[in-house]
């Protein structure tokens, strides 16, 4: 069985799958943190220790180390721990059918299927953005379902009701989605004949990766992708998330991120500088882009990068009345999507 799983994963192209090895020794930051805590306890608890000059010299030398550790932790927490979002919405449509699948690290994950009222083997996978949920984009899923598509979606790793908050990486999320797609034929009882992927914000970034490195049954079934106000660069995402002072020390930040990614993913197949388009992937299928003109979350940098590399392969629409958030929908977005699907693909 393990050999069969390993063989299946080896066919998947967009992510990496090797489990994080258990460390033989504590890391340097953990050792330094423990030593500083011991020093502080000794100074508080032992009046005799406080009388020694060396105690205060050692303590003084530890202050810049403590500052370095605090900043390092802030960088780590900003990237590798997903934030709490008390405002995230849950799905409310009772027609959603819950199912489970094995994600990265053989972790049990939950996903949902919204069956079309028409007899159809056409499926669209909806991928929400960072710090969002399937519930936030539920109205979009219901709209796509109403035009005859089976819809699959999930709260992504680290968000909503899904596990995986700690040591979160975008490669784990992509692995989850590849394994979700791999499981669909047995879960649904049929192999989808046509597949589309709809990605919002960071979900669009995931979609680009999947479409640029298709594998499994969906390499033949994938007919197109839809990107709504998509992210197109991981470095640009990180710059938005990091403390302002950390951005100033970008070489050090890149070093920390590289070391942590290599620790978590020994089979890492893409570097920090390459985790943006076109290196991230170039879709080989029709591409629809629906962009918020005034993107209050991502700004213009991601869209400008997309136009630079995908302008000749994508149908692009910029909507002045559509905000970035998936909590708000506009009629024009639905009309554009319906026309693109019906004229080009749902024939």
C-alpha atoms as a PDB file:
ATOM      1  CA  UNK A   1       0.000   0.000   0.000  1.00  0.00           C
ATOM      2  CA  UNK A   2       2.823   2.445   0.876  1.00  0.00           C
ATOM      3  CA  UNK A   3       4.529   1.620  -2.425  1.00  0.00           C
ATOM      4  CA  UNK A   4       1.283   2.322  -4.272  1.00  0.00           C
ATOM      5  CA  UNK A   5       0.888   5.705  -2.526  1.00  0.00           C
ATOM      6  CA  UNK A   6       4.492   6.622  -3.244  1.00  0.00           C
ATOM      7  CA  UNK A   7       4.083   5.700  -6.904  1.00  0.00           C
ATOM      8  CA  UNK A   8       0.903   7.785  -7.121  1.00  0.00           C
ATOM      9  CA  UNK A   9       2.570  10.835  -5.597  1.00  0.00           C
ATOM     10  CA  UNK A  10       5.572  10.512  -7.895  1.00  0.00           C
ATOM     11  CA  UNK A  11       3.246  11.185 -10.830  1.00  0.00           C
ATOM     12  CA  UNK A  12       2.079  14.490  -9.349  1.00  0.00           C
ATOM     13  CA  UNK A  13       4.065  17.475 -10.566  1.00  0.00           C
ATOM     14  CA  UNK A  14       3.011  20.725  -8.896  1.00  0.00           C
ATOM     15  CA  UNK A  15       4.033  20.126  -5.263  1.00  0.00           C
ATOM     16  CA  UNK A  16       6.453  18.184  -3.052  1.00  0.00           C
ATOM     17  CA  UNK A  17       5.548  15.300  -0.766  1.00  0.00           C
ATOM     18  CA  UNK A  18       8.445  14.200   1.437  1.00  0.00           C
ATOM     19  CA  UNK A  19       7.588  14.504   5.134  1.00  0.00           C
ATOM     20  CA  UNK A  20       9.595  16.849   7.322  1.00  0.00           C
ATOM     21  CA  UNK A  21      12.334  14.801   9.020  1.00  0.00           C
ATOM     22  CA  UNK A  22      12.463  14.823  12.817  1.00  0.00           C
ATOM     23  CA  UNK A  23      15.475  16.885  14.006  1.00  0.00           C
ATOM     24  CA  UNK A  24      18.310  15.062  15.762  1.00  0.00           C
ATOM     25  CA  UNK A  25      19.227  18.095  17.868  1.00  0.00           C
ATOM     26  CA  UNK A  26      17.402  21.258  19.000  1.00  0.00           C
ATOM     27  CA  UNK A  27      17.780  24.189  16.624  1.00  0.00           C
ATOM     28  CA  UNK A  28      20.094  27.114  17.429  1.00  0.00           C
ATOM     29  CA  UNK A  29      17.205  29.550  18.058  1.00  0.00           C
ATOM     30  CA  UNK A  30      15.672  27.130  20.562  1.00  0.00           C
ATOM     31  CA  UNK A  31      18.991  26.673  22.372  1.00  0.00           C
ATOM     32  CA  UNK A  32      19.642  30.430  22.520  1.00  0.00           C
ATOM     33  CA  UNK A  33      16.109  31.095  23.750  1.00  0.00           C
ATOM     34  CA  UNK A  34      16.512  28.495  26.504  1.00  0.00           C
ATOM     35  CA  UNK A  35      19.840  30.014  27.625  1.00  0.00           C
ATOM     36  CA  UNK A  36      18.374  33.533  27.794  1.00  0.00           C
ATOM     37  CA  UNK A  37      15.415  32.281  29.841  1.00  0.00           C
ATOM     38  CA  UNK A  38      17.798  30.497  32.225  1.00  0.00           C
ATOM     39  CA  UNK A  39      19.800  33.729  32.630  1.00  0.00           C
ATOM     40  CA  UNK A  40      16.697  35.750  33.441  1.00  0.00           C
ATOM     41  CA  UNK A  41      15.477  33.171  35.968  1.00  0.00           C
ATOM     42  CA  UNK A  42      18.932  33.103  37.592  1.00  0.00           C
ATOM     43  CA  UNK A  43      19.033  36.901  37.914  1.00  0.00           C
ATOM     44  CA  UNK A  44      15.557  36.993  39.433  1.00  0.00           C
ATOM     45  CA  UNK A  45      15.940  34.017  41.755  1.00  0.00           C
ATOM     46  CA  UNK A  46      19.566  34.346  42.917  1.00  0.00           C
ATOM     47  CA  UNK A  47      20.692  37.519  44.691  1.00  0.00           C
ATOM     48  CA  UNK A  48      24.209  36.068  44.808  1.00  0.00           C
ATOM     49  CA  UNK A  49      24.338  35.684  41.038  1.00  0.00           C
ATOM     50  CA  UNK A  50      23.254  39.313  40.620  1.00  0.00           C
ATOM     51  CA  UNK A  51      26.357  40.449  42.532  1.00  0.00           C
ATOM     52  CA  UNK A  52      28.708  39.076  39.890  1.00  0.00           C
ATOM     53  CA  UNK A  53      29.733  41.493  37.153  1.00  0.00           C
ATOM     54  CA  UNK A  54      30.023  38.627  34.663  1.00  0.00           C
ATOM     55  CA  UNK A  55      26.308  37.901  35.139  1.00  0.00           C
ATOM     56  CA  UNK A  56      25.399  41.388  33.926  1.00  0.00           C
ATOM     57  CA  UNK A  57      27.971  41.290  31.115  1.00  0.00           C
ATOM     58  CA  UNK A  58      26.465  38.033  29.855  1.00  0.00           C
ATOM     59  CA  UNK A  59      22.963  39.459  30.234  1.00  0.00           C
ATOM     60  CA  UNK A  60      23.907  42.614  28.326  1.00  0.00           C
ATOM     61  CA  UNK A  61      25.416  40.541  25.517  1.00  0.00           C
ATOM     62  CA  UNK A  62      22.181  38.561  25.366  1.00  0.00           C
ATOM     63  CA  UNK A  63      19.999  41.616  24.683  1.00  0.00           C
ATOM     64  CA  UNK A  64      20.870  41.938  20.951  1.00  0.00           C
ATOM     65  CA  UNK A  65      20.563  38.154  20.621  1.00  0.00           C
ATOM     66  CA  UNK A  66      17.093  38.356  22.181  1.00  0.00           C
ATOM     67  CA  UNK A  67      16.179  41.128  19.717  1.00  0.00           C
ATOM     68  CA  UNK A  68      17.357  38.944  16.838  1.00  0.00           C
ATOM     69  CA  UNK A  69      15.319  36.000  18.145  1.00  0.00           C
ATOM     70  CA  UNK A  70      12.181  38.139  18.515  1.00  0.00           C
ATOM     71  CA  UNK A  71      12.478  39.497  14.973  1.00  0.00           C
ATOM     72  CA  UNK A  72      13.199  36.018  13.642  1.00  0.00           C
ATOM     73  CA  UNK A  73      10.085  34.698  15.375  1.00  0.00           C
ATOM     74  CA  UNK A  74       7.974  37.515  13.930  1.00  0.00           C
ATOM     75  CA  UNK A  75       9.204  36.622  10.442  1.00  0.00           C
ATOM     76  CA  UNK A  76       8.553  32.911  11.034  1.00  0.00           C
ATOM     77  CA  UNK A  77       5.085  33.498  12.501  1.00  0.00           C
ATOM     78  CA  UNK A  78       4.128  35.865   9.661  1.00  0.00           C
ATOM     79  CA  UNK A  79       4.887  33.256   7.002  1.00  0.00           C
ATOM     80  CA  UNK A  80       4.598  29.791   8.547  1.00  0.00           C
ATOM     81  CA  UNK A  81       1.642  30.248  10.936  1.00  0.00           C
ATOM     82  CA  UNK A  82      -1.737  31.180   9.490  1.00  0.00           C
ATOM     83  CA  UNK A  83      -3.575  34.028  11.240  1.00  0.00           C
ATOM     84  CA  UNK A  84      -6.823  33.675  13.150  1.00  0.00           C
ATOM     85  CA  UNK A  85      -9.810  35.074  11.317  1.00  0.00           C
ATOM     86  CA  UNK A  86     -12.883  35.285  13.516  1.00  0.00           C
ATOM     87  CA  UNK A  87     -14.875  36.801  10.660  1.00  0.00           C
ATOM     88  CA  UNK A  88     -14.476  33.803   8.334  1.00  0.00           C
ATOM     89  CA  UNK A  89     -17.769  32.476   7.031  1.00  0.00           C
ATOM     90  CA  UNK A  90     -18.894  28.868   7.004  1.00  0.00           C
ATOM     91  CA  UNK A  91     -20.822  27.297   4.174  1.00  0.00           C
ATOM     92  CA  UNK A  92     -24.589  27.430   4.696  1.00  0.00           C
ATOM     93  CA  UNK A  93     -26.055  25.599   1.686  1.00  0.00           C
ATOM     94  CA  UNK A  94     -27.360  22.247   2.938  1.00  0.00           C
ATOM     95  CA  UNK A  95     -26.732  20.672  -0.479  1.00  0.00           C
ATOM     96  CA  UNK A  96     -22.967  20.533   0.095  1.00  0.00           C
ATOM     97  CA  UNK A  97     -21.791  16.953   0.583  1.00  0.00           C
ATOM     98  CA  UNK A  98     -18.778  16.580   2.861  1.00  0.00           C
ATOM     99  CA  UNK A  99     -16.040  14.046   2.102  1.00  0.00           C
ATOM    100  CA  UNK A 100     -12.502  13.380   3.294  1.00  0.00           C
ATOM    101  CA  UNK A 101      -9.213  12.741   1.515  1.00  0.00           C
ATOM    102  CA  UNK A 102      -5.570  12.284   2.469  1.00  0.00           C
ATOM    103  CA  UNK A 103      -3.568  15.475   2.019  1.00  0.00           C
ATOM    104  CA  UNK A 104       0.118  16.282   2.461  1.00  0.00           C
ATOM    105  CA  UNK A 105       1.729  14.070   5.109  1.00  0.00           C
ATOM    106  CA  UNK A 106      -1.211  11.629   4.932  1.00  0.00           C
ATOM    107  CA  UNK A 107      -3.261  14.093   6.987  1.00  0.00           C
ATOM    108  CA  UNK A 108      -7.023  13.666   6.788  1.00  0.00           C
ATOM    109  CA  UNK A 109      -8.589  16.735   5.157  1.00  0.00           C
ATOM    110  CA  UNK A 110     -12.202  17.758   4.551  1.00  0.00           C
ATOM    111  CA  UNK A 111     -13.681  18.948   1.264  1.00  0.00           C
ATOM    112  CA  UNK A 112     -17.166  19.500  -0.146  1.00  0.00           C
ATOM    113  CA  UNK A 113     -19.091  18.626  -3.291  1.00  0.00           C
ATOM    114  CA  UNK A 114     -22.048  20.611  -4.642  1.00  0.00           C
ATOM    115  CA  UNK A 115     -23.789  18.372  -7.168  1.00  0.00           C
ATOM    116  CA  UNK A 116     -25.341  19.805 -10.302  1.00  0.00           C
ATOM    117  CA  UNK A 117     -29.084  19.435 -10.709  1.00  0.00           C
ATOM    118  CA  UNK A 118     -28.376  18.436 -14.305  1.00  0.00           C
ATOM    119  CA  UNK A 119     -26.759  15.111 -15.127  1.00  0.00           C
ATOM    120  CA  UNK A 120     -23.187  16.203 -15.785  1.00  0.00           C
ATOM    121  CA  UNK A 121     -19.590  15.069 -15.488  1.00  0.00           C
ATOM    122  CA  UNK A 122     -18.272  18.634 -15.707  1.00  0.00           C
ATOM    123  CA  UNK A 123     -16.565  19.836 -12.516  1.00  0.00           C
ATOM    124  CA  UNK A 124     -15.184  23.162 -11.352  1.00  0.00           C
ATOM    125  CA  UNK A 125     -12.797  23.382  -8.385  1.00  0.00           C
ATOM    126  CA  UNK A 126     -13.052  26.598  -6.364  1.00  0.00           C
ATOM    127  CA  UNK A 127      -9.946  27.797  -4.472  1.00  0.00           C
ATOM    128  CA  UNK A 128     -10.330  30.680  -2.018  1.00  0.00           C
ATOM    129  CA  UNK A 129      -7.668  33.210  -1.058  1.00  0.00           C
ATOM    130  CA  UNK A 130      -5.337  33.587   1.916  1.00  0.00           C
ATOM    131  CA  UNK A 131      -7.052  34.114   5.285  1.00  0.00           C
ATOM    132  CA  UNK A 132     -10.378  33.237   3.691  1.00  0.00           C
ATOM    133  CA  UNK A 133     -12.698  30.227   3.539  1.00  0.00           C
ATOM    134  CA  UNK A 134     -14.953  28.339   1.182  1.00  0.00           C
ATOM    135  CA  UNK A 135     -17.852  30.053   2.956  1.00  0.00           C
ATOM    136  CA  UNK A 136     -16.615  33.469   1.848  1.00  0.00           C
ATOM    137  CA  UNK A 137     -16.836  32.356  -1.775  1.00  0.00           C
ATOM    138  CA  UNK A 138     -19.980  30.248  -1.420  1.00  0.00           C
ATOM    139  CA  UNK A 139     -22.119  32.578  -3.562  1.00  0.00           C
ATOM    140  CA  UNK A 140     -19.651  32.149  -6.427  1.00  0.00           C
ATOM    141  CA  UNK A 141     -19.882  28.366  -6.070  1.00  0.00           C
ATOM    142  CA  UNK A 142     -23.678  28.504  -6.036  1.00  0.00           C
ATOM    143  CA  UNK A 143     -23.658  30.625  -9.187  1.00  0.00           C
ATOM    144  CA  UNK A 144     -21.391  28.170 -11.033  1.00  0.00           C
ATOM    145  CA  UNK A 145     -23.547  25.299  -9.814  1.00  0.00           C
ATOM    146  CA  UNK A 146     -26.673  27.040 -11.162  1.00  0.00           C
ATOM    147  CA  UNK A 147     -25.275  27.002 -14.710  1.00  0.00           C
ATOM    148  CA  UNK A 148     -24.851  23.234 -14.688  1.00  0.00           C
ATOM    149  CA  UNK A 149     -21.475  22.571 -13.076  1.00  0.00           C
ATOM    150  CA  UNK A 150     -20.600  20.219 -10.259  1.00  0.00           C
ATOM    151  CA  UNK A 151     -18.571  22.247  -7.765  1.00  0.00           C
ATOM    152  CA  UNK A 152     -15.800  21.033  -5.449  1.00  0.00           C
ATOM    153  CA  UNK A 153     -14.308  23.266  -2.767  1.00  0.00           C
ATOM    154  CA  UNK A 154     -12.626  23.219   0.618  1.00  0.00           C
ATOM    155  CA  UNK A 155     -11.337  25.330   3.451  1.00  0.00           C
ATOM    156  CA  UNK A 156      -7.648  25.266   2.613  1.00  0.00           C
ATOM    157  CA  UNK A 157      -4.988  24.101   5.028  1.00  0.00           C
ATOM    158  CA  UNK A 158      -4.736  26.408   8.042  1.00  0.00           C
ATOM    159  CA  UNK A 159      -7.999  28.256   7.420  1.00  0.00           C
ATOM    160  CA  UNK A 160     -11.604  27.897   8.481  1.00  0.00           C
ATOM    161  CA  UNK A 161     -12.288  24.434   9.851  1.00  0.00           C
ATOM    162  CA  UNK A 162      -9.242  22.840   8.202  1.00  0.00           C
ATOM    163  CA  UNK A 163      -6.185  21.699  10.150  1.00  0.00           C
ATOM    164  CA  UNK A 164      -2.611  22.711   9.332  1.00  0.00           C
ATOM    165  CA  UNK A 165      -2.244  26.128  10.979  1.00  0.00           C
ATOM    166  CA  UNK A 166       1.393  25.563  12.027  1.00  0.00           C
ATOM    167  CA  UNK A 167       4.333  25.054   9.688  1.00  0.00           C
ATOM    168  CA  UNK A 168       2.017  26.178   6.893  1.00  0.00           C
ATOM    169  CA  UNK A 169       3.583  26.382   3.437  1.00  0.00           C
ATOM    170  CA  UNK A 170       2.072  27.075   0.053  1.00  0.00           C
ATOM    171  CA  UNK A 171       3.618  23.840  -1.260  1.00  0.00           C
ATOM    172  CA  UNK A 172       1.651  21.866   1.343  1.00  0.00           C
ATOM    173  CA  UNK A 173      -1.533  23.566   0.152  1.00  0.00           C
ATOM    174  CA  UNK A 174      -0.765  22.671  -3.459  1.00  0.00           C
ATOM    175  CA  UNK A 175      -0.054  19.079  -2.434  1.00  0.00           C
ATOM    176  CA  UNK A 176      -3.419  18.954  -0.651  1.00  0.00           C
ATOM    177  CA  UNK A 177      -5.176  20.145  -3.793  1.00  0.00           C
ATOM    178  CA  UNK A 178      -3.340  17.722  -6.087  1.00  0.00           C
ATOM    179  CA  UNK A 179      -4.283  14.855  -3.776  1.00  0.00           C
ATOM    180  CA  UNK A 180      -7.872  16.138  -3.631  1.00  0.00           C
ATOM    181  CA  UNK A 181      -8.014  16.046  -7.440  1.00  0.00           C
ATOM    182  CA  UNK A 182      -6.433  12.584  -7.432  1.00  0.00           C
ATOM    183  CA  UNK A 183      -9.179  11.344  -5.111  1.00  0.00           C
ATOM    184  CA  UNK A 184     -12.145  12.797  -7.027  1.00  0.00           C
ATOM    185  CA  UNK A 185     -12.934   9.857  -9.380  1.00  0.00           C
ATOM    186  CA  UNK A 186     -13.345   7.433  -6.470  1.00  0.00           C
ATOM    187  CA  UNK A 187     -15.138  10.031  -4.334  1.00  0.00           C
ATOM    188  CA  UNK A 188     -17.599  11.197  -6.991  1.00  0.00           C
ATOM    189  CA  UNK A 189     -18.088   7.813  -8.624  1.00  0.00           C
ATOM    190  CA  UNK A 190     -16.999   9.132 -12.024  1.00  0.00           C
ATOM    191  CA  UNK A 191     -13.943  10.666 -13.657  1.00  0.00           C
ATOM    192  CA  UNK A 192     -14.757  14.262 -14.615  1.00  0.00           C
ATOM    193  CA  UNK A 193     -14.788  14.714 -18.387  1.00  0.00           C
ATOM    194  CA  UNK A 194     -14.170  18.456 -18.158  1.00  0.00           C
ATOM    195  CA  UNK A 195     -12.496  20.329 -15.316  1.00  0.00           C
ATOM    196  CA  UNK A 196     -12.064  24.037 -14.630  1.00  0.00           C
ATOM    197  CA  UNK A 197     -10.289  25.649 -11.698  1.00  0.00           C
ATOM    198  CA  UNK A 198     -11.445  28.970 -10.289  1.00  0.00           C
ATOM    199  CA  UNK A 199      -8.891  30.714  -8.070  1.00  0.00           C
ATOM    200  CA  UNK A 200      -9.446  33.912  -6.093  1.00  0.00           C
ATOM    201  CA  UNK A 201      -6.438  35.974  -4.879  1.00  0.00           C
ATOM    202  CA  UNK A 202      -3.833  33.493  -3.527  1.00  0.00           C
ATOM    203  CA  UNK A 203      -6.186  30.790  -4.790  1.00  0.00           C
ATOM    204  CA  UNK A 204      -5.356  32.168  -8.235  1.00  0.00           C
ATOM    205  CA  UNK A 205      -1.662  31.705  -7.488  1.00  0.00           C
ATOM    206  CA  UNK A 206      -2.363  28.062  -6.613  1.00  0.00           C
ATOM    207  CA  UNK A 207      -4.422  27.683  -9.787  1.00  0.00           C
ATOM    208  CA  UNK A 208      -1.572  28.964 -11.971  1.00  0.00           C
ATOM    209  CA  UNK A 209       0.777  26.398 -10.424  1.00  0.00           C
ATOM    210  CA  UNK A 210      -1.673  23.529 -10.959  1.00  0.00           C
ATOM    211  CA  UNK A 211      -2.459  24.540 -14.552  1.00  0.00           C
ATOM    212  CA  UNK A 212       1.217  25.041 -15.336  1.00  0.00           C
ATOM    213  CA  UNK A 213       2.137  21.571 -14.014  1.00  0.00           C
ATOM    214  CA  UNK A 214      -0.887  19.329 -14.736  1.00  0.00           C
ATOM    215  CA  UNK A 215      -0.759  15.612 -13.987  1.00  0.00           C
ATOM    216  CA  UNK A 216      -3.051  12.679 -13.297  1.00  0.00           C
ATOM    217  CA  UNK A 217      -6.442  12.407 -14.957  1.00  0.00           C
ATOM    218  CA  UNK A 218      -6.865  16.205 -14.965  1.00  0.00           C
ATOM    219  CA  UNK A 219      -3.979  16.782 -17.364  1.00  0.00           C
ATOM    220  CA  UNK A 220      -6.424  15.724 -20.101  1.00  0.00           C
ATOM    221  CA  UNK A 221      -9.660  16.954 -18.507  1.00  0.00           C
ATOM    222  CA  UNK A 222      -8.524  20.489 -17.599  1.00  0.00           C
ATOM    223  CA  UNK A 223     -10.267  22.833 -20.057  1.00  0.00           C
ATOM    224  CA  UNK A 224      -9.505  26.241 -18.575  1.00  0.00           C
ATOM    225  CA  UNK A 225      -8.856  28.327 -15.488  1.00  0.00           C
ATOM    226  CA  UNK A 226     -10.451  31.461 -14.061  1.00  0.00           C
ATOM    227  CA  UNK A 227      -8.380  33.886 -11.998  1.00  0.00           C
ATOM    228  CA  UNK A 228     -10.118  36.536  -9.917  1.00  0.00           C
ATOM    229  CA  UNK A 229      -7.784  39.321  -8.719  1.00  0.00           C
ATOM    230  CA  UNK A 230      -4.971  36.755  -8.524  1.00  0.00           C
ATOM    231  CA  UNK A 231      -1.676  36.840  -6.686  1.00  0.00           C
ATOM    232  CA  UNK A 232       1.209  36.146  -9.058  1.00  0.00           C
ATOM    233  CA  UNK A 233       4.343  36.399  -6.887  1.00  0.00           C
ATOM    234  CA  UNK A 234       5.226  34.796  -3.556  1.00  0.00           C
ATOM    235  CA  UNK A 235       7.941  37.393  -2.789  1.00  0.00           C
ATOM    236  CA  UNK A 236       5.344  40.162  -3.232  1.00  0.00           C
ATOM    237  CA  UNK A 237       2.979  38.296  -0.890  1.00  0.00           C
ATOM    238  CA  UNK A 238       5.709  37.975   1.742  1.00  0.00           C
ATOM    239  CA  UNK A 239       6.608  41.659   1.535  1.00  0.00           C
ATOM    240  CA  UNK A 240       2.991  42.512   2.366  1.00  0.00           C
ATOM    241  CA  UNK A 241       2.922  40.137   5.343  1.00  0.00           C
ATOM    242  CA  UNK A 242       6.267  40.906   6.990  1.00  0.00           C
ATOM    243  CA  UNK A 243       6.904  43.584   9.638  1.00  0.00           C
ATOM    244  CA  UNK A 244       8.158  46.761   7.936  1.00  0.00           C
ATOM    245  CA  UNK A 245      11.612  46.525   9.506  1.00  0.00           C
ATOM    246  CA  UNK A 246      12.015  42.964   8.254  1.00  0.00           C
ATOM    247  CA  UNK A 247      11.496  44.092   4.667  1.00  0.00           C
ATOM    248  CA  UNK A 248      14.496  46.388   5.066  1.00  0.00           C
ATOM    249  CA  UNK A 249      16.645  43.351   5.888  1.00  0.00           C
ATOM    250  CA  UNK A 250      15.512  41.346   2.869  1.00  0.00           C
ATOM    251  CA  UNK A 251      18.707  39.244   2.367  1.00  0.00           C
ATOM    252  CA  UNK A 252      18.452  38.038   5.978  1.00  0.00           C
ATOM    253  CA  UNK A 253      14.722  37.424   5.572  1.00  0.00           C
ATOM    254  CA  UNK A 254      15.301  35.376   2.413  1.00  0.00           C
ATOM    255  CA  UNK A 255      17.951  33.361   4.272  1.00  0.00           C
ATOM    256  CA  UNK A 256      15.509  32.541   7.080  1.00  0.00           C
ATOM    257  CA  UNK A 257      12.731  31.622   4.671  1.00  0.00           C
ATOM    258  CA  UNK A 258      15.044  29.474   2.558  1.00  0.00           C
ATOM    259  CA  UNK A 259      16.369  27.591   5.595  1.00  0.00           C
ATOM    260  CA  UNK A 260      12.878  26.979   6.985  1.00  0.00           C
ATOM    261  CA  UNK A 261      11.495  25.821   3.639  1.00  0.00           C
ATOM    262  CA  UNK A 262      14.432  23.447   3.188  1.00  0.00           C
ATOM    263  CA  UNK A 263      13.851  22.080   6.694  1.00  0.00           C
ATOM    264  CA  UNK A 264      10.110  21.564   6.149  1.00  0.00           C
ATOM    265  CA  UNK A 265      10.475  20.342   2.537  1.00  0.00           C
ATOM    266  CA  UNK A 266      13.727  18.394   1.981  1.00  0.00           C
ATOM    267  CA  UNK A 267      12.529  17.758  -1.585  1.00  0.00           C
ATOM    268  CA  UNK A 268      11.996  21.477  -2.261  1.00  0.00           C
ATOM    269  CA  UNK A 269      11.721  22.003  -6.021  1.00  0.00           C
ATOM    270  CA  UNK A 270      11.422  25.798  -6.313  1.00  0.00           C
ATOM    271  CA  UNK A 271      13.328  28.695  -4.773  1.00  0.00           C
ATOM    272  CA  UNK A 272      12.141  31.984  -3.273  1.00  0.00           C
ATOM    273  CA  UNK A 273      13.105  34.049  -6.318  1.00  0.00           C
ATOM    274  CA  UNK A 274      11.431  31.554  -8.695  1.00  0.00           C
ATOM    275  CA  UNK A 275       8.105  31.447  -6.860  1.00  0.00           C
ATOM    276  CA  UNK A 276       6.457  33.941  -9.184  1.00  0.00           C
ATOM    277  CA  UNK A 277       5.278  33.917 -12.768  1.00  0.00           C
ATOM    278  CA  UNK A 278       6.452  32.912 -15.302  1.00  0.00           C
ATOM    279  CA  UNK A 279       8.785  30.541 -13.369  1.00  0.00           C
ATOM    280  CA  UNK A 280       5.911  29.441 -11.126  1.00  0.00           C
ATOM    281  CA  UNK A 281       4.088  28.054 -14.141  1.00  0.00           C
ATOM    282  CA  UNK A 282       2.473  29.032 -17.424  1.00  0.00           C
ATOM    283  CA  UNK A 283      -1.076  27.704 -17.999  1.00  0.00           C
ATOM    284  CA  UNK A 284      -1.464  25.566 -21.089  1.00  0.00           C
ATOM    285  CA  UNK A 285      -5.238  26.000 -21.212  1.00  0.00           C
ATOM    286  CA  UNK A 286      -7.606  28.934 -21.898  1.00  0.00           C
ATOM    287  CA  UNK A 287      -7.331  31.582 -19.199  1.00  0.00           C
ATOM    288  CA  UNK A 288      -9.908  34.112 -17.998  1.00  0.00           C
ATOM    289  CA  UNK A 289      -8.839  36.940 -15.665  1.00  0.00           C
ATOM    290  CA  UNK A 290     -11.388  39.066 -13.795  1.00  0.00           C
ATOM    291  CA  UNK A 291      -9.513  41.827 -11.966  1.00  0.00           C
ATOM    292  CA  UNK A 292     -10.664  44.397  -9.426  1.00  0.00           C
ATOM    293  CA  UNK A 293      -9.557  47.775 -10.789  1.00  0.00           C
ATOM    294  CA  UNK A 294      -8.899  49.152  -7.303  1.00  0.00           C
ATOM    295  CA  UNK A 295      -7.415  46.111  -5.578  1.00  0.00           C
ATOM    296  CA  UNK A 296      -7.262  47.232  -1.976  1.00  0.00           C
ATOM    297  CA  UNK A 297      -5.558  44.013  -0.827  1.00  0.00           C
ATOM    298  CA  UNK A 298      -2.882  43.178  -3.420  1.00  0.00           C
ATOM    299  CA  UNK A 299      -2.444  46.564  -5.080  1.00  0.00           C
ATOM    300  CA  UNK A 300      -1.366  46.735  -8.731  1.00  0.00           C
ATOM    301  CA  UNK A 301       1.958  44.862  -8.611  1.00  0.00           C
ATOM    302  CA  UNK A 302       0.519  41.352  -9.030  1.00  0.00           C
ATOM    303  CA  UNK A 303      -1.771  42.374 -11.884  1.00  0.00           C
ATOM    304  CA  UNK A 304       1.042  44.233 -13.651  1.00  0.00           C
ATOM    305  CA  UNK A 305       3.190  41.096 -13.457  1.00  0.00           C
ATOM    306  CA  UNK A 306       0.326  39.037 -14.873  1.00  0.00           C
ATOM    307  CA  UNK A 307      -0.153  41.413 -17.806  1.00  0.00           C
ATOM    308  CA  UNK A 308       3.572  41.367 -18.514  1.00  0.00           C
ATOM    309  CA  UNK A 309       3.691  37.586 -18.917  1.00  0.00           C
ATOM    310  CA  UNK A 310       0.121  36.398 -19.627  1.00  0.00           C
ATOM    311  CA  UNK A 311      -1.395  39.244 -21.629  1.00  0.00           C
ATOM    312  CA  UNK A 312      -1.142  37.303 -24.904  1.00  0.00           C
ATOM    313  CA  UNK A 313      -2.647  34.077 -23.525  1.00  0.00           C
ATOM    314  CA  UNK A 314      -5.443  35.442 -21.328  1.00  0.00           C
ATOM    315  CA  UNK A 315      -8.813  37.111 -21.730  1.00  0.00           C
ATOM    316  CA  UNK A 316      -8.640  39.963 -19.208  1.00  0.00           C
ATOM    317  CA  UNK A 317     -11.480  42.027 -17.762  1.00  0.00           C
ATOM    318  CA  UNK A 318     -10.939  44.863 -15.269  1.00  0.00           C
ATOM    319  CA  UNK A 319     -14.038  45.749 -13.225  1.00  0.00           C
ATOM    320  CA  UNK A 320     -14.269  49.149 -11.586  1.00  0.00           C
ATOM    321  CA  UNK A 321     -17.102  48.246  -9.193  1.00  0.00           C
ATOM    322  CA  UNK A 322     -15.688  44.915  -7.936  1.00  0.00           C
ATOM    323  CA  UNK A 323     -13.624  44.918  -4.714  1.00  0.00           C
ATOM    324  CA  UNK A 324     -10.944  42.345  -3.967  1.00  0.00           C
ATOM    325  CA  UNK A 325     -12.886  40.497  -1.276  1.00  0.00           C
ATOM    326  CA  UNK A 326     -14.880  37.398  -2.248  1.00  0.00           C
ATOM    327  CA  UNK A 327     -17.565  38.382   0.259  1.00  0.00           C
ATOM    328  CA  UNK A 328     -18.896  40.834  -2.338  1.00  0.00           C
ATOM    329  CA  UNK A 329     -20.066  39.790  -5.789  1.00  0.00           C
ATOM    330  CA  UNK A 330     -21.141  41.892  -8.751  1.00  0.00           C
ATOM    331  CA  UNK A 331     -23.428  41.106 -11.677  1.00  0.00           C
ATOM    332  CA  UNK A 332     -20.757  41.950 -14.271  1.00  0.00           C
ATOM    333  CA  UNK A 333     -18.403  39.259 -12.912  1.00  0.00           C
ATOM    334  CA  UNK A 334     -21.129  36.636 -13.248  1.00  0.00           C
ATOM    335  CA  UNK A 335     -22.022  37.721 -16.791  1.00  0.00           C
ATOM    336  CA  UNK A 336     -18.371  37.577 -17.920  1.00  0.00           C
ATOM    337  CA  UNK A 337     -17.911  34.129 -16.391  1.00  0.00           C
ATOM    338  CA  UNK A 338     -21.122  32.734 -17.876  1.00  0.00           C
ATOM    339  CA  UNK A 339     -20.279  34.027 -21.345  1.00  0.00           C
ATOM    340  CA  UNK A 340     -16.719  32.672 -21.237  1.00  0.00           C
ATOM    341  CA  UNK A 341     -17.844  29.237 -20.088  1.00  0.00           C
ATOM    342  CA  UNK A 342     -20.832  28.936 -22.422  1.00  0.00           C
ATOM    343  CA  UNK A 343     -19.279  30.301 -25.618  1.00  0.00           C
ATOM    344  CA  UNK A 344     -15.867  28.728 -25.328  1.00  0.00           C
ATOM    345  CA  UNK A 345     -16.190  25.598 -23.258  1.00  0.00           C
ATOM    346  CA  UNK A 346     -19.640  24.394 -22.250  1.00  0.00           C
ATOM    347  CA  UNK A 347     -20.556  23.376 -25.795  1.00  0.00           C
END
